[in-house]
Amino acid sequence: MFFDVQYAIKQFPVILEAAPMTLLIAVVAMLLGMVIGFSLTLCRMYRVPILNRLAILYISFIRGTPILVQIYVTFFGIQFLFQLVARAMGWNASLGSIPSLLYAFAAFSINAGAFLSETIRSALSSVEAGQMEAAYSVGLSTVQAMRRIIIPQALVSGLPNFGNAFLLLIKGSSLAFTVMVVEILSKAKIEAGAGYRYTENFVVASIIYWGMCFVFEKVFVLLENRLKRYKHEITI
């Protein structure tokens, strides 16, 4: 079967309709992952009793298991917890009331949190220890010093890695079809199955993924260059 260029061109807008869902998963997972990652980093940096060990175990487990396995564990884990709570509270609710998107948000956020934790930890470690001491000397609290001095500097050094993490989330979101979320790859599969034009639809999907990653790669490069201009202004 030959490659139908005209059909592939017509499929671009059809498959592109699922791009917002892909971006939504990536953005939400990135934001929640940053919160999880920063919390884990603080537990490790300040060696919080018990939480420090749990953070290390969490990061090791997530980084050492495939994302697909984590999606399935999250999927069935949320269902188990939902049934447990529903039974305890006497609710008459079915598993169908749980939005499929919730599984994707949870799984990708949990995964992103572990990897972003290491990125955040290395970024914070790149800031000279004297910066915190200087902040204390002028009367700033730890929270003020982190917010006004340490985090802005760490953001400059960590932005390339944050950008890579976001691009990985965009591509990794293609696995969301396993929990019945229709994103770019799912849309391509549906269209391919309907017309038996698998090559064309998957090529279109790959081009859309590449285009999205290319655009965001340039955005992160621009942000990195912009932040570097103010690197010296946020030091004391």
C-alpha atoms as a PDB file:
ATOM      1  CA  MET A   1       0.000   0.000   0.000  1.00  0.00           C
ATOM      2  CA  PHE A   2       1.532   3.310  -1.109  1.00  0.00           C
ATOM      3  CA  PHE A   3       1.813   6.384   1.106  1.00  0.00           C
ATOM      4  CA  ASP A   4      -1.110   8.706   0.337  1.00  0.00           C
ATOM      5  CA  VAL A   5       0.249  12.251   0.726  1.00  0.00           C
ATOM      6  CA  GLN A   6      -3.112  13.913   0.101  1.00  0.00           C
ATOM      7  CA  TYR A   7      -4.778  11.791   2.775  1.00  0.00           C
ATOM      8  CA  ALA A   8      -1.973  12.568   5.238  1.00  0.00           C
ATOM      9  CA  ILE A   9      -2.385  16.308   4.654  1.00  0.00           C
ATOM     10  CA  LYS A  10      -6.137  16.029   5.285  1.00  0.00           C
ATOM     11  CA  GLN A  11      -5.441  14.176   8.533  1.00  0.00           C
ATOM     12  CA  PHE A  12      -3.298  16.943  10.019  1.00  0.00           C
ATOM     13  CA  PRO A  13      -6.168  19.089  11.341  1.00  0.00           C
ATOM     14  CA  VAL A  14      -8.042  15.976  12.477  1.00  0.00           C
ATOM     15  CA  ILE A  15      -5.202  14.637  14.614  1.00  0.00           C
ATOM     16  CA  LEU A  16      -4.166  18.137  15.659  1.00  0.00           C
ATOM     17  CA  GLU A  17      -7.495  18.435  17.479  1.00  0.00           C
ATOM     18  CA  ALA A  18      -6.017  16.193  20.182  1.00  0.00           C
ATOM     19  CA  ALA A  19      -2.958  18.417  20.705  1.00  0.00           C
ATOM     20  CA  PRO A  20      -4.604  20.515  23.481  1.00  0.00           C
ATOM     21  CA  MET A  21      -5.165  17.337  25.509  1.00  0.00           C
ATOM     22  CA  THR A  22      -1.493  16.386  25.115  1.00  0.00           C
ATOM     23  CA  LEU A  23      -0.424  19.859  26.243  1.00  0.00           C
ATOM     24  CA  LEU A  24      -2.868  19.801  29.151  1.00  0.00           C
ATOM     25  CA  ILE A  25      -1.423  16.543  30.467  1.00  0.00           C
ATOM     26  CA  ALA A  26       2.145  17.820  30.072  1.00  0.00           C
ATOM     27  CA  VAL A  27       1.486  21.207  31.713  1.00  0.00           C
ATOM     28  CA  VAL A  28      -0.492  19.817  34.669  1.00  0.00           C
ATOM     29  CA  ALA A  29       2.058  17.051  35.238  1.00  0.00           C
ATOM     30  CA  MET A  30       4.885  19.594  35.063  1.00  0.00           C
ATOM     31  CA  LEU A  31       3.282  21.946  37.582  1.00  0.00           C
ATOM     32  CA  LEU A  32       2.279  19.220  40.041  1.00  0.00           C
ATOM     33  CA  GLY A  33       5.614  17.507  39.480  1.00  0.00           C
ATOM     34  CA  MET A  34       7.415  20.716  40.426  1.00  0.00           C
ATOM     35  CA  VAL A  35       5.455  20.872  43.681  1.00  0.00           C
ATOM     36  CA  ILE A  36       6.181  17.223  44.450  1.00  0.00           C
ATOM     37  CA  GLY A  37       9.805  17.547  43.404  1.00  0.00           C
ATOM     38  CA  PHE A  38      10.424  20.679  45.461  1.00  0.00           C
ATOM     39  CA  SER A  39       8.841  19.056  48.522  1.00  0.00           C
ATOM     40  CA  LEU A  40      11.035  15.986  48.106  1.00  0.00           C
ATOM     41  CA  THR A  41      14.105  18.164  47.665  1.00  0.00           C
ATOM     42  CA  LEU A  42      13.431  20.091  50.883  1.00  0.00           C
ATOM     43  CA  CYS A  43      12.967  16.823  52.784  1.00  0.00           C
ATOM     44  CA  ARG A  44      16.341  15.616  51.519  1.00  0.00           C
ATOM     45  CA  MET A  45      18.230  18.905  51.886  1.00  0.00           C
ATOM     46  CA  TYR A  46      17.110  19.451  55.475  1.00  0.00           C
ATOM     47  CA  ARG A  47      17.166  15.718  56.278  1.00  0.00           C
ATOM     48  CA  VAL A  48      13.673  15.669  57.750  1.00  0.00           C
ATOM     49  CA  PRO A  49      13.353  12.542  59.923  1.00  0.00           C
ATOM     50  CA  ILE A  50      11.465   9.677  58.234  1.00  0.00           C
ATOM     51  CA  LEU A  51      10.398  11.903  55.324  1.00  0.00           C
ATOM     52  CA  ASN A  52      13.987  11.992  54.087  1.00  0.00           C
ATOM     53  CA  ARG A  53      14.108   8.187  53.843  1.00  0.00           C
ATOM     54  CA  LEU A  54      10.673   8.024  52.266  1.00  0.00           C
ATOM     55  CA  ALA A  55      11.705  10.637  49.696  1.00  0.00           C
ATOM     56  CA  ILE A  56      14.809   8.639  48.760  1.00  0.00           C
ATOM     57  CA  LEU A  57      12.739   5.452  48.438  1.00  0.00           C
ATOM     58  CA  TYR A  58      10.095   7.235  46.352  1.00  0.00           C
ATOM     59  CA  ILE A  59      12.652   8.683  43.939  1.00  0.00           C
ATOM     60  CA  SER A  60      14.505   5.382  43.632  1.00  0.00           C
ATOM     61  CA  PHE A  61      11.294   3.431  42.948  1.00  0.00           C
ATOM     62  CA  ILE A  62       9.913   5.855  40.357  1.00  0.00           C
ATOM     63  CA  ARG A  63      13.227   6.213  38.522  1.00  0.00           C
ATOM     64  CA  GLY A  64      13.733   2.453  38.558  1.00  0.00           C
ATOM     65  CA  THR A  65      10.373   1.385  37.112  1.00  0.00           C
ATOM     66  CA  PRO A  66       8.857   1.947  33.637  1.00  0.00           C
ATOM     67  CA  ILE A  67       6.334   4.747  33.276  1.00  0.00           C
ATOM     68  CA  LEU A  68       3.853   2.316  31.723  1.00  0.00           C
ATOM     69  CA  VAL A  69       3.939   0.171  34.868  1.00  0.00           C
ATOM     70  CA  GLN A  70       3.429   3.303  36.985  1.00  0.00           C
ATOM     71  CA  ILE A  71       0.381   4.248  34.908  1.00  0.00           C
ATOM     72  CA  TYR A  72      -1.191   0.845  35.488  1.00  0.00           C
ATOM     73  CA  VAL A  73      -0.358   0.907  39.209  1.00  0.00           C
ATOM     74  CA  THR A  74      -1.876   4.386  39.484  1.00  0.00           C
ATOM     75  CA  PHE A  75      -4.942   3.343  37.509  1.00  0.00           C
ATOM     76  CA  PHE A  76      -5.755   0.328  39.666  1.00  0.00           C
ATOM     77  CA  GLY A  77      -4.493   2.005  42.846  1.00  0.00           C
ATOM     78  CA  ILE A  78      -6.903   4.944  42.484  1.00  0.00           C
ATOM     79  CA  GLN A  79      -9.744   2.542  41.791  1.00  0.00           C
ATOM     80  CA  PHE A  80      -8.873   0.496  44.887  1.00  0.00           C
ATOM     81  CA  LEU A  81      -8.727   3.603  47.095  1.00  0.00           C
ATOM     82  CA  PHE A  82     -11.972   4.905  45.604  1.00  0.00           C
ATOM     83  CA  GLN A  83     -13.774   1.653  46.351  1.00  0.00           C
ATOM     84  CA  LEU A  84     -12.288   1.573  49.853  1.00  0.00           C
ATOM     85  CA  VAL A  85     -13.433   5.113  50.657  1.00  0.00           C
ATOM     86  CA  ALA A  86     -16.831   4.609  49.008  1.00  0.00           C
ATOM     87  CA  ARG A  87     -17.443   1.469  51.039  1.00  0.00           C
ATOM     88  CA  ALA A  88     -16.357   3.162  54.274  1.00  0.00           C
ATOM     89  CA  MET A  89     -18.530   6.242  53.648  1.00  0.00           C
ATOM     90  CA  GLY A  90     -21.492   4.305  52.327  1.00  0.00           C
ATOM     91  CA  TRP A  91     -21.435   6.006  48.948  1.00  0.00           C
ATOM     92  CA  ASN A  92     -23.289   4.521  46.012  1.00  0.00           C
ATOM     93  CA  ALA A  93     -20.745   5.431  43.339  1.00  0.00           C
ATOM     94  CA  SER A  94     -19.253   3.496  40.445  1.00  0.00           C
ATOM     95  CA  LEU A  95     -15.706   3.516  39.091  1.00  0.00           C
ATOM     96  CA  GLY A  96     -17.101   5.043  35.916  1.00  0.00           C
ATOM     97  CA  SER A  97     -17.563   8.320  37.768  1.00  0.00           C
ATOM     98  CA  ILE A  98     -13.777   8.765  37.948  1.00  0.00           C
ATOM     99  CA  PRO A  99     -12.600  10.884  34.979  1.00  0.00           C
ATOM    100  CA  SER A 100     -10.015   9.117  32.822  1.00  0.00           C
ATOM    101  CA  LEU A 101      -7.958  12.297  32.772  1.00  0.00           C
ATOM    102  CA  LEU A 102      -7.471  12.025  36.533  1.00  0.00           C
ATOM    103  CA  TYR A 103      -5.488   8.813  36.095  1.00  0.00           C
ATOM    104  CA  ALA A 104      -3.218  10.482  33.551  1.00  0.00           C
ATOM    105  CA  PHE A 105      -2.668  13.558  35.728  1.00  0.00           C
ATOM    106  CA  ALA A 106      -1.826  11.426  38.750  1.00  0.00           C
ATOM    107  CA  ALA A 107       0.504   8.994  36.973  1.00  0.00           C
ATOM    108  CA  PHE A 108       2.511  11.586  35.041  1.00  0.00           C
ATOM    109  CA  SER A 109       2.719  13.974  38.015  1.00  0.00           C
ATOM    110  CA  ILE A 110       4.027  11.224  40.277  1.00  0.00           C
ATOM    111  CA  ASN A 111       6.599  10.272  37.652  1.00  0.00           C
ATOM    112  CA  ALA A 112       7.638  13.857  36.936  1.00  0.00           C
ATOM    113  CA  GLY A 113       7.992  14.635  40.643  1.00  0.00           C
ATOM    114  CA  ALA A 114      10.755  12.072  41.127  1.00  0.00           C
ATOM    115  CA  PHE A 115      12.813  13.240  38.156  1.00  0.00           C
ATOM    116  CA  LEU A 116      12.244  16.935  38.799  1.00  0.00           C
ATOM    117  CA  SER A 117      13.317  16.452  42.407  1.00  0.00           C
ATOM    118  CA  GLU A 118      16.830  15.558  41.250  1.00  0.00           C
ATOM    119  CA  THR A 119      16.841  18.480  38.825  1.00  0.00           C
ATOM    120  CA  ILE A 120      15.721  20.910  41.530  1.00  0.00           C
ATOM    121  CA  ARG A 121      18.245  19.524  44.021  1.00  0.00           C
ATOM    122  CA  SER A 122      21.129  19.936  41.585  1.00  0.00           C
ATOM    123  CA  ALA A 123      19.947  23.439  40.638  1.00  0.00           C
ATOM    124  CA  LEU A 124      19.755  24.557  44.275  1.00  0.00           C
ATOM    125  CA  SER A 125      23.144  22.988  44.974  1.00  0.00           C
ATOM    126  CA  SER A 126      24.664  25.040  42.161  1.00  0.00           C
ATOM    127  CA  VAL A 127      24.004  28.252  44.105  1.00  0.00           C
ATOM    128  CA  GLU A 128      26.921  29.242  46.315  1.00  0.00           C
ATOM    129  CA  ALA A 129      26.385  28.567  50.001  1.00  0.00           C
ATOM    130  CA  GLY A 130      27.559  32.098  50.732  1.00  0.00           C
ATOM    131  CA  GLN A 131      24.390  33.464  49.131  1.00  0.00           C
ATOM    132  CA  MET A 132      22.265  32.086  51.960  1.00  0.00           C
ATOM    133  CA  GLU A 133      24.700  33.342  54.580  1.00  0.00           C
ATOM    134  CA  ALA A 134      24.674  36.789  52.985  1.00  0.00           C
ATOM    135  CA  ALA A 135      20.868  36.746  53.043  1.00  0.00           C
ATOM    136  CA  TYR A 136      20.877  35.972  56.766  1.00  0.00           C
ATOM    137  CA  SER A 137      23.344  38.791  57.358  1.00  0.00           C
ATOM    138  CA  VAL A 138      20.921  41.370  55.943  1.00  0.00           C
ATOM    139  CA  GLY A 139      18.016  40.068  58.021  1.00  0.00           C
ATOM    140  CA  LEU A 140      16.207  37.856  55.535  1.00  0.00           C
ATOM    141  CA  SER A 141      14.486  34.704  56.746  1.00  0.00           C
ATOM    142  CA  THR A 142      15.062  31.309  55.116  1.00  0.00           C
ATOM    143  CA  VAL A 143      11.802  31.565  53.172  1.00  0.00           C
ATOM    144  CA  GLN A 144      12.597  35.095  51.978  1.00  0.00           C
ATOM    145  CA  ALA A 145      16.115  34.096  51.002  1.00  0.00           C
ATOM    146  CA  MET A 146      14.880  31.084  49.052  1.00  0.00           C
ATOM    147  CA  ARG A 147      12.184  33.083  47.270  1.00  0.00           C
ATOM    148  CA  ARG A 148      14.172  36.218  46.457  1.00  0.00           C
ATOM    149  CA  ILE A 149      17.741  34.956  46.035  1.00  0.00           C
ATOM    150  CA  ILE A 150      18.297  31.194  45.905  1.00  0.00           C
ATOM    151  CA  ILE A 151      15.386  30.019  43.731  1.00  0.00           C
ATOM    152  CA  PRO A 152      15.829  32.703  41.006  1.00  0.00           C
ATOM    153  CA  GLN A 153      19.501  31.755  40.645  1.00  0.00           C
ATOM    154  CA  ALA A 154      18.723  28.041  40.705  1.00  0.00           C
ATOM    155  CA  LEU A 155      16.075  28.567  38.038  1.00  0.00           C
ATOM    156  CA  VAL A 156      18.686  29.971  35.663  1.00  0.00           C
ATOM    157  CA  SER A 157      20.945  26.921  35.959  1.00  0.00           C
ATOM    158  CA  GLY A 158      18.103  24.418  36.062  1.00  0.00           C
ATOM    159  CA  LEU A 159      15.976  25.776  33.212  1.00  0.00           C
ATOM    160  CA  PRO A 160      17.567  23.586  30.469  1.00  0.00           C
ATOM    161  CA  ASN A 161      16.803  20.469  32.504  1.00  0.00           C
ATOM    162  CA  PHE A 162      13.291  21.698  33.262  1.00  0.00           C
ATOM    163  CA  GLY A 163      12.806  22.217  29.533  1.00  0.00           C
ATOM    164  CA  ASN A 164      13.996  18.677  28.795  1.00  0.00           C
ATOM    165  CA  ALA A 165      11.623  17.316  31.437  1.00  0.00           C
ATOM    166  CA  PHE A 166       8.695  19.155  29.833  1.00  0.00           C
ATOM    167  CA  LEU A 167       9.564  17.821  26.383  1.00  0.00           C
ATOM    168  CA  LEU A 168       9.734  14.305  27.810  1.00  0.00           C
ATOM    169  CA  LEU A 169       6.283  14.805  29.305  1.00  0.00           C
ATOM    170  CA  ILE A 170       4.889  15.870  25.935  1.00  0.00           C
ATOM    171  CA  LYS A 171       6.234  12.717  24.330  1.00  0.00           C
ATOM    172  CA  GLY A 172       5.445  10.521  27.323  1.00  0.00           C
ATOM    173  CA  SER A 173       1.823  11.653  27.295  1.00  0.00           C
ATOM    174  CA  SER A 174       1.373   9.349  24.301  1.00  0.00           C
ATOM    175  CA  LEU A 175       0.988   6.546  26.863  1.00  0.00           C
ATOM    176  CA  ALA A 176      -2.157   8.169  28.238  1.00  0.00           C
ATOM    177  CA  PHE A 177      -4.146   6.092  25.742  1.00  0.00           C
ATOM    178  CA  THR A 178      -3.717   3.174  28.180  1.00  0.00           C
ATOM    179  CA  VAL A 179      -6.154   4.906  30.553  1.00  0.00           C
ATOM    180  CA  MET A 180      -8.577   5.854  27.778  1.00  0.00           C
ATOM    181  CA  VAL A 181      -7.469   9.470  27.314  1.00  0.00           C
ATOM    182  CA  VAL A 182      -7.676  10.615  23.705  1.00  0.00           C
ATOM    183  CA  GLU A 183      -4.487  12.536  22.988  1.00  0.00           C
ATOM    184  CA  ILE A 184      -2.458  12.761  19.769  1.00  0.00           C
ATOM    185  CA  LEU A 185      -1.411   9.113  19.548  1.00  0.00           C
ATOM    186  CA  SER A 186      -4.864   7.877  20.549  1.00  0.00           C
ATOM    187  CA  LYS A 187      -6.458  10.070  17.888  1.00  0.00           C
ATOM    188  CA  ALA A 188      -4.019   8.736  15.304  1.00  0.00           C
ATOM    189  CA  LYS A 189      -4.864   5.151  16.289  1.00  0.00           C
ATOM    190  CA  ILE A 190      -8.598   5.816  16.047  1.00  0.00           C
ATOM    191  CA  GLU A 191      -8.247   7.415  12.610  1.00  0.00           C
ATOM    192  CA  ALA A 192      -5.889   4.684  11.433  1.00  0.00           C
ATOM    193  CA  GLY A 193      -8.257   1.940  12.535  1.00  0.00           C
ATOM    194  CA  ALA A 194     -11.199   3.613  10.812  1.00  0.00           C
ATOM    195  CA  GLY A 195      -9.512   3.935   7.426  1.00  0.00           C
ATOM    196  CA  TYR A 196      -6.761   1.301   7.648  1.00  0.00           C
ATOM    197  CA  ARG A 197      -4.210   4.014   6.883  1.00  0.00           C
ATOM    198  CA  TYR A 198      -1.781   3.384   9.718  1.00  0.00           C
ATOM    199  CA  THR A 199       1.403   4.735   8.147  1.00  0.00           C
ATOM    200  CA  GLU A 200      -0.090   8.074   7.163  1.00  0.00           C
ATOM    201  CA  ASN A 201      -1.751   8.709  10.510  1.00  0.00           C
ATOM    202  CA  PHE A 202       1.286   7.756  12.569  1.00  0.00           C
ATOM    203  CA  VAL A 203       3.585   9.854  10.387  1.00  0.00           C
ATOM    204  CA  VAL A 204       1.242  12.810  10.889  1.00  0.00           C
ATOM    205  CA  ALA A 205       1.243  12.197  14.663  1.00  0.00           C
ATOM    206  CA  SER A 206       5.039  12.046  14.743  1.00  0.00           C
ATOM    207  CA  ILE A 207       5.322  15.323  12.824  1.00  0.00           C
ATOM    208  CA  ILE A 208       2.898  17.015  15.239  1.00  0.00           C
ATOM    209  CA  TYR A 209       4.882  15.752  18.242  1.00  0.00           C
ATOM    210  CA  TRP A 210       8.103  16.958  16.639  1.00  0.00           C
ATOM    211  CA  GLY A 211       6.608  20.354  15.834  1.00  0.00           C
ATOM    212  CA  MET A 212       5.357  20.843  19.399  1.00  0.00           C
ATOM    213  CA  CYS A 213       8.706  19.861  20.896  1.00  0.00           C
ATOM    214  CA  PHE A 214      10.554  22.109  18.437  1.00  0.00           C
ATOM    215  CA  VAL A 215       8.434  25.132  19.392  1.00  0.00           C
ATOM    216  CA  PHE A 216       8.809  24.592  23.138  1.00  0.00           C
ATOM    217  CA  GLU A 217      12.517  23.931  22.764  1.00  0.00           C
ATOM    218  CA  LYS A 218      12.900  27.384  21.221  1.00  0.00           C
ATOM    219  CA  VAL A 219      10.714  28.901  23.946  1.00  0.00           C
ATOM    220  CA  PHE A 220      12.927  27.475  26.678  1.00  0.00           C
ATOM    221  CA  VAL A 221      16.060  28.703  24.897  1.00  0.00           C
ATOM    222  CA  LEU A 222      14.596  32.218  24.782  1.00  0.00           C
ATOM    223  CA  LEU A 223      13.657  32.031  28.472  1.00  0.00           C
ATOM    224  CA  GLU A 224      17.128  30.815  29.359  1.00  0.00           C
ATOM    225  CA  ASN A 225      18.785  33.688  27.495  1.00  0.00           C
ATOM    226  CA  ARG A 226      16.401  36.182  29.083  1.00  0.00           C
ATOM    227  CA  LEU A 227      17.010  34.909  32.618  1.00  0.00           C
ATOM    228  CA  LYS A 228      20.774  34.989  32.138  1.00  0.00           C
ATOM    229  CA  ARG A 229      20.568  38.768  31.664  1.00  0.00           C
ATOM    230  CA  TYR A 230      19.292  39.153  35.208  1.00  0.00           C
ATOM    231  CA  LYS A 231      21.533  36.547  36.823  1.00  0.00           C
ATOM    232  CA  HIS A 232      23.787  39.153  38.383  1.00  0.00           C
ATOM    233  CA  GLU A 233      20.900  41.369  39.449  1.00  0.00           C
ATOM    234  CA  ILE A 234      19.429  38.692  41.754  1.00  0.00           C
ATOM    235  CA  THR A 235      22.699  38.040  43.569  1.00  0.00           C
ATOM    236  CA  ILE A 236      23.800  39.984  46.624  1.00  0.00           C
END
